[in-house]
C-alpha cells in the first residue's frame, strides 16, 4: 500500500457496469451518483445505508450532475440536456442536443461559475468529430468552445485554469478557467497511458483513471505545469473516472467498465472505493435561474 492510499481498494456492492462513468459526490446528502452509459442506468450509493439505488434513464446519458436545487440533477444525454427530479423520477428537457451527426455526449462537469461544460465524441471512436461546449442556465443553446476533438475527457479546475484531456491523442491540456480558446492552450503528454476521467485535490494533485492500463495516473499541478509522479495499480482493466467523496472528502470512488472485454474479471465494471491521504475539491453546482 502506498503512502497516498490509506486502505485496501474494494468494490462497492455487486453491480457491474458495462460503461460506468462520471461519479459525482453529493455533500448535501452524503451520497454518490454515477451512470452506466450503455445500460441507460442512473445509480446512487448511500454509504450510511450500504445501499445502491438504480433508475432507468430514458436516453443514453453520459453524466448526472448536481444543481443548486437539492435532489434535482442535470442529465447530459444524447438527445439533449435535462433536469431530473429524483423524488418523482421525472425529466424536463432544457436544451436539444447540439453535437454533430454520429456523436454522443461524453465528459461533463460543472465549472466554478455554475455553468455546465460538456463534450461530444464519435460514436465509433474513430474520427475527430468531438467538441467541447459550455452552457449556462436559460441560454438558448450551448456555446461551442473547441471542435475537431477525438475522445474528450477529464474536467478539473485548479489555479484559475481548466484541465482536460483527449484520450485519442493521449494528451492533457490546460486553458482559461472560464472559456477554452483553442489558440491559447497548453499541452502535456500522458506518455503511454490513455487518460479518461479525473479528480483533483485541494493541493493540486490530479488523479486520472487510465483506460486499459489498470491504474490511476498521479500528477501534480503546479504553476501551470503538470508533473507526473507515479501510477497506482487498480484491480480492473478499464478504470474510467474517479471522484473524491466521503464526510471529509478524503475517500476516492472509481468507476470502471466491462465494455469490449472478451473475458472480464470479477471486478471489471465495479465501483471501487479507497481511503486516501489527501482532501478532494468539492463538486460545483449547476446554477439554476
Protein backbone atom coordinates (compact mmCIF):
# COMPACT_ATOMS: atom_id res chain seq x y z
CA UNK A 1 0.00 0.00 0.00
CA UNK A 2 1.36 3.45 -0.94
CA UNK A 3 1.61 6.42 1.41
CA UNK A 4 -1.17 8.05 -0.62
CA UNK A 5 -3.63 5.18 -0.26
CA UNK A 6 -4.76 4.60 3.32
CA UNK A 7 -6.84 1.44 2.83
CA UNK A 8 -7.30 -1.51 0.52
CA UNK A 9 -9.15 -0.91 -2.75
CA UNK A 10 -12.53 -2.63 -2.52
CA UNK A 11 -15.64 -2.98 -4.69
CA UNK A 12 -18.95 -1.44 -3.60
CA UNK A 13 -21.87 -3.86 -3.96
CA UNK A 14 -22.10 -6.45 -6.75
CA UNK A 15 -23.30 -4.27 -9.65
CA UNK A 16 -21.02 -4.40 -12.69
CA UNK A 17 -21.45 -1.66 -15.28
CA UNK A 18 -20.99 -2.06 -18.98
CA UNK A 19 -19.64 1.50 -19.06
CA UNK A 20 -19.59 3.12 -15.62
CA UNK A 21 -18.78 6.84 -15.78
CA UNK A 22 -18.79 10.31 -14.19
CA UNK A 23 -19.09 9.61 -10.45
CA UNK A 24 -20.25 12.68 -8.50
CA UNK A 25 -20.28 13.07 -4.72
CA UNK A 26 -23.24 14.99 -3.24
CA UNK A 27 -22.10 16.57 0.04
CA UNK A 28 -25.62 17.68 0.98
CA UNK A 29 -26.98 14.12 1.01
CA UNK A 30 -23.71 12.21 1.53
CA UNK A 31 -24.36 10.02 -1.48
CA UNK A 32 -22.58 9.14 -4.71
CA UNK A 33 -24.20 9.28 -8.15
CA UNK A 34 -22.89 7.82 -11.39
CA UNK A 35 -24.16 6.35 -14.68
CA UNK A 36 -23.86 3.14 -16.66
CA UNK A 37 -23.93 4.80 -20.07
CA UNK A 38 -24.65 1.80 -22.29
CA UNK A 39 -27.27 0.28 -19.98
CA UNK A 40 -29.09 3.63 -19.57
CA UNK A 41 -28.90 3.50 -15.78
CA UNK A 42 -28.52 6.11 -13.06
CA UNK A 43 -27.02 4.68 -9.86
CA UNK A 44 -26.88 6.21 -6.39
CA UNK A 45 -24.90 4.79 -3.50
CA UNK A 46 -25.75 5.64 0.12
CA UNK A 47 -22.72 4.74 2.31
CA UNK A 48 -24.62 5.16 5.58
CA UNK A 49 -27.12 2.51 4.47
CA UNK A 50 -24.70 0.38 2.39
CA UNK A 51 -27.34 0.58 -0.34
CA UNK A 52 -27.30 1.28 -4.07
CA UNK A 53 -30.40 2.55 -5.89
CA UNK A 54 -30.87 2.14 -9.65
CA UNK A 55 -33.07 4.14 -12.02
CA UNK A 56 -33.68 3.54 -15.72
CA UNK A 57 -32.96 6.60 -17.87
CA UNK A 58 -34.99 7.49 -21.00
CA UNK A 59 -31.95 8.01 -23.25
CA UNK A 60 -28.21 7.40 -23.41
CA UNK A 61 -26.76 9.62 -20.68
CA UNK A 62 -23.08 10.26 -20.05
CA UNK A 63 -23.35 12.29 -16.83
CA UNK A 64 -25.61 13.15 -13.91
CA UNK A 65 -24.56 16.39 -12.20
CA UNK A 66 -25.54 18.41 -9.15
CA UNK A 67 -27.60 21.59 -9.36
CA UNK A 68 -28.37 24.36 -6.87
CA UNK A 69 -31.67 22.59 -6.11
CA UNK A 70 -31.44 19.62 -3.76
CA UNK A 71 -32.16 16.27 -5.47
CA UNK A 72 -32.76 17.95 -8.81
CA UNK A 73 -29.99 16.80 -11.11
CA UNK A 74 -28.72 17.73 -14.57
CA UNK A 75 -28.63 14.91 -17.12
CA UNK A 76 -26.25 15.24 -20.07
CA UNK A 77 -27.78 12.97 -22.71
CA UNK A 78 -27.60 12.07 -26.38
CA UNK A 79 -30.92 13.82 -27.02
CA UNK A 80 -30.12 16.97 -25.04
CA UNK A 81 -29.83 18.41 -21.55
CA UNK A 82 -32.46 17.56 -18.95
CA UNK A 83 -33.35 18.38 -15.38
CA UNK A 84 -34.17 15.26 -13.39
CA UNK A 85 -36.40 15.32 -10.31
CA UNK A 86 -35.09 12.38 -8.29
CA UNK A 87 -38.09 12.16 -5.95
CA UNK A 88 -40.55 11.68 -8.81
CA UNK A 89 -38.22 10.20 -11.50
CA UNK A 90 -39.35 12.94 -13.90
CA UNK A 91 -37.27 14.62 -16.59
CA UNK A 92 -37.63 18.06 -18.17
CA UNK A 93 -35.68 18.88 -21.31
CA UNK A 94 -33.99 22.27 -21.18
CA UNK A 95 -31.89 22.12 -24.35
CA UNK A 96 -31.69 19.99 -27.51
CA UNK A 97 -28.56 18.08 -28.47
CA UNK A 98 -26.13 20.19 -30.49
CA UNK A 99 -23.40 17.71 -31.46
CA UNK A 100 -22.64 16.54 -34.97
CA UNK A 101 -24.42 13.56 -36.50
CA UNK A 102 -22.88 10.28 -35.38
CA UNK A 103 -21.77 11.62 -31.99
CA UNK A 104 -22.88 11.35 -28.37
CA UNK A 105 -22.17 13.26 -25.19
CA UNK A 106 -19.19 12.20 -23.12
CA UNK A 107 -17.33 14.06 -20.35
CA UNK A 108 -19.25 16.67 -18.35
CA UNK A 109 -18.78 18.70 -15.17
CA UNK A 110 -19.92 21.92 -13.54
CA UNK A 111 -17.45 24.82 -13.59
CA UNK A 112 -16.75 27.04 -10.56
CA UNK A 113 -19.01 29.75 -12.05
CA UNK A 114 -22.00 27.36 -12.10
CA UNK A 115 -22.01 26.72 -15.85
CA UNK A 116 -22.06 23.27 -17.46
CA UNK A 117 -19.10 22.13 -19.53
CA UNK A 118 -19.55 19.00 -21.62
CA UNK A 119 -18.08 17.20 -24.59
CA UNK A 120 -19.23 15.12 -27.56
CA UNK A 121 -17.42 12.29 -29.34
CA UNK A 122 -17.64 9.99 -32.36
CA UNK A 123 -19.90 7.03 -31.55
CA UNK A 124 -17.42 4.73 -33.33
CA UNK A 125 -14.43 6.30 -31.53
CA UNK A 126 -12.58 6.63 -34.84
CA UNK A 127 -12.80 10.24 -36.10
CA UNK A 128 -12.17 13.64 -34.53
CA UNK A 129 -15.86 14.59 -34.57
CA UNK A 130 -15.89 15.63 -30.91
CA UNK A 131 -16.18 19.06 -29.36
CA UNK A 132 -16.26 20.97 -26.06
CA UNK A 133 -19.29 23.10 -25.12
CA UNK A 134 -20.28 25.48 -22.34
CA UNK A 135 -23.89 26.04 -21.25
CA UNK A 136 -25.49 28.46 -18.78
CA UNK A 137 -29.00 28.02 -17.39
CA UNK A 138 -31.53 29.84 -19.57
CA UNK A 139 -29.27 30.08 -22.63
CA UNK A 140 -30.93 29.15 -25.96
CA UNK A 141 -28.20 26.62 -26.72
CA UNK A 142 -24.70 25.60 -25.61
CA UNK A 143 -21.70 27.60 -26.81
CA UNK A 144 -19.08 25.78 -28.87
CA UNK A 145 -15.61 26.28 -27.39
CA UNK A 146 -13.47 23.78 -29.30
CA UNK A 147 -14.11 21.32 -32.13
CA UNK A 148 -12.22 18.61 -34.08
CA UNK A 149 -11.57 16.72 -30.86
CA UNK A 150 -11.02 12.96 -30.63
CA UNK A 151 -12.31 11.50 -27.34
CA UNK A 152 -12.62 14.45 -24.93
CA UNK A 153 -12.26 13.54 -21.27
CA UNK A 154 -11.25 14.93 -17.86
CA UNK A 155 -12.54 18.23 -16.48
CA UNK A 156 -10.81 19.67 -13.42
CA UNK A 157 -10.36 23.26 -12.31
CA UNK A 158 -7.27 24.39 -10.38
CA UNK A 159 -5.07 27.52 -10.23
CA UNK A 160 -7.59 29.52 -12.31
CA UNK A 161 -7.26 27.05 -15.16
CA UNK A 162 -9.31 24.17 -16.51
CA UNK A 163 -7.55 20.87 -17.18
CA UNK A 164 -8.93 18.50 -19.82
CA UNK A 165 -7.74 15.62 -22.00
CA UNK A 166 -8.10 13.90 -25.36
CA UNK A 167 -7.95 10.14 -24.88
CA UNK A 168 -7.44 9.54 -28.60
CA UNK A 169 -4.32 11.73 -28.64
CA UNK A 170 -3.13 10.72 -25.13
CA UNK A 171 -2.70 14.34 -24.11
CA UNK A 172 -3.72 16.70 -21.31
CA UNK A 173 -4.46 20.37 -21.88
CA UNK A 174 -4.97 23.47 -19.75
CA UNK A 175 -6.82 26.66 -20.62
CA UNK A 176 -8.53 29.66 -19.08
CA UNK A 177 -10.93 28.51 -16.37
CA UNK A 178 -13.90 30.38 -17.87
CA UNK A 179 -13.52 29.51 -21.56
CA UNK A 180 -11.41 27.27 -23.82
CA UNK A 181 -9.63 29.20 -26.55
CA UNK A 182 -8.04 26.58 -28.88
CA UNK A 183 -5.33 29.07 -29.80
CA UNK A 184 -4.30 29.58 -26.18
CA UNK A 185 -4.00 26.15 -24.61
CA UNK A 186 -1.04 24.36 -23.08
CA UNK A 187 -0.41 20.71 -23.97
CA UNK A 188 1.07 17.88 -21.88
CA UNK A 189 1.73 14.26 -22.88
CA UNK A 190 0.30 11.36 -20.86
CA UNK A 191 3.02 9.05 -22.15
CA UNK A 192 1.74 5.57 -22.99
CA UNK A 193 -1.36 5.98 -20.81
CA UNK A 194 -4.87 6.73 -22.13
CA UNK A 195 -6.39 9.38 -19.84
CA UNK A 196 -10.09 9.11 -19.07
CA UNK A 197 -11.86 10.83 -16.15
CA UNK A 198 -10.00 12.72 -13.42
CA UNK A 199 -10.35 14.21 -9.95
CA UNK A 200 -8.30 16.97 -8.34
CA UNK A 201 -7.35 17.56 -4.71
CA UNK A 202 -7.26 20.91 -2.96
CA UNK A 203 -3.46 20.95 -3.23
CA UNK A 204 -3.50 20.29 -7.00
CA UNK A 205 -2.99 16.54 -7.17
CA UNK A 206 -4.58 15.35 -10.42
CA UNK A 207 -5.70 11.70 -10.36
CA UNK A 208 -6.68 10.18 -13.70
CA UNK A 209 -8.25 6.81 -14.47
CA UNK A 210 -6.22 5.29 -17.33
CA UNK A 211 -8.39 3.25 -19.69
CA UNK A 212 -6.90 -0.16 -20.44
CA UNK A 213 -3.94 0.27 -18.09
CA UNK A 214 -5.41 -0.91 -14.76
CA UNK A 215 -4.15 2.14 -12.91
CA UNK A 216 -4.57 5.70 -11.74
CA UNK A 217 -2.07 8.23 -13.04
CA UNK A 218 -0.91 10.60 -10.29
CA UNK A 219 0.25 14.07 -11.39
CA UNK A 220 0.88 17.37 -9.64
CA UNK A 221 -0.43 20.67 -10.99
CA UNK A 222 1.99 23.43 -10.06
CA UNK A 223 2.00 26.95 -11.52
CA UNK A 224 0.63 25.86 -14.88
CA UNK A 225 2.82 22.78 -15.21
CA UNK A 226 1.82 19.12 -14.94
CA UNK A 227 4.40 16.88 -13.27
CA UNK A 228 3.93 13.11 -13.44
CA UNK A 229 4.57 11.43 -10.08
CA UNK A 230 3.63 7.75 -10.41
CA UNK A 231 0.83 5.28 -11.11
CA UNK A 232 -1.33 3.40 -8.64
CA UNK A 233 -2.45 -0.12 -9.67
CA UNK A 234 -6.15 -0.97 -9.75
CA UNK A 235 -7.89 -4.38 -9.83
CA UNK A 236 -9.85 -3.54 -13.01
CA UNK A 237 -8.68 -3.37 -16.63
CA UNK A 238 -10.67 -0.32 -17.71
CA UNK A 239 -10.97 2.29 -14.94
CA UNK A 240 -13.00 5.15 -16.40
CA UNK A 241 -13.29 8.01 -13.91
CA UNK A 242 -12.80 8.96 -10.26
CA UNK A 243 -14.02 11.47 -7.70
CA UNK A 244 -13.35 12.39 -4.10
CA UNK A 245 -16.12 11.99 -1.53
CA UNK A 246 -17.00 10.97 2.00
CA UNK A 247 -17.65 13.19 5.04
CA UNK A 248 -14.19 14.80 4.87
CA UNK A 249 -13.66 14.42 1.08
CA UNK A 250 -10.72 12.06 1.56
CA UNK A 251 -12.30 8.94 0.04
CA UNK A 252 -11.86 8.12 -3.63
CA UNK A 253 -14.56 6.45 -5.74
CA UNK A 254 -13.52 4.94 -9.09
CA UNK A 255 -15.84 3.74 -11.87
CA UNK A 256 -14.89 1.07 -14.39
CA UNK A 257 -16.21 -0.72 -17.47
CA UNK A 258 -16.65 -4.20 -18.92
CA UNK A 259 -17.25 -2.85 -22.44
CA UNK A 260 -15.26 -4.71 -25.10
CA UNK A 261 -13.63 -7.20 -22.73
CA UNK A 262 -13.76 -10.79 -24.00
CA UNK A 263 -13.05 -12.24 -20.57
CA UNK A 264 -13.89 -9.61 -17.93
CA UNK A 265 -12.61 -10.24 -14.44
CA UNK A 266 -14.72 -10.42 -11.32
CA UNK A 267 -14.31 -6.71 -10.56
CA UNK A 268 -14.39 -5.25 -14.07
CA UNK A 269 -17.30 -2.80 -14.22
CA UNK A 270 -17.34 -2.36 -10.44
CA UNK A 271 -17.45 0.86 -8.48
CA UNK A 272 -14.25 0.89 -6.42
CA UNK A 273 -13.54 2.66 -3.14
CA UNK A 274 -10.36 3.56 -1.24
CA UNK A 275 -9.32 5.92 1.56
CA UNK A 276 -6.63 8.46 0.64
CA UNK A 277 -4.22 10.76 2.43
CA UNK A 278 -5.46 13.94 0.77
CA UNK A 279 -8.61 16.07 0.51
CA UNK A 280 -10.56 16.44 -2.72
CA UNK A 281 -12.16 19.51 -4.24
CA UNK A 282 -15.95 19.65 -3.62
CA UNK A 283 -18.32 19.37 -6.58
CA UNK A 284 -19.60 22.58 -8.12
CA UNK A 285 -23.35 23.12 -8.54
CA UNK A 286 -25.13 23.96 -11.80
CA UNK A 287 -26.69 27.38 -11.20
CA UNK A 288 -30.40 27.33 -11.95
CA UNK A 289 -32.20 30.59 -12.71
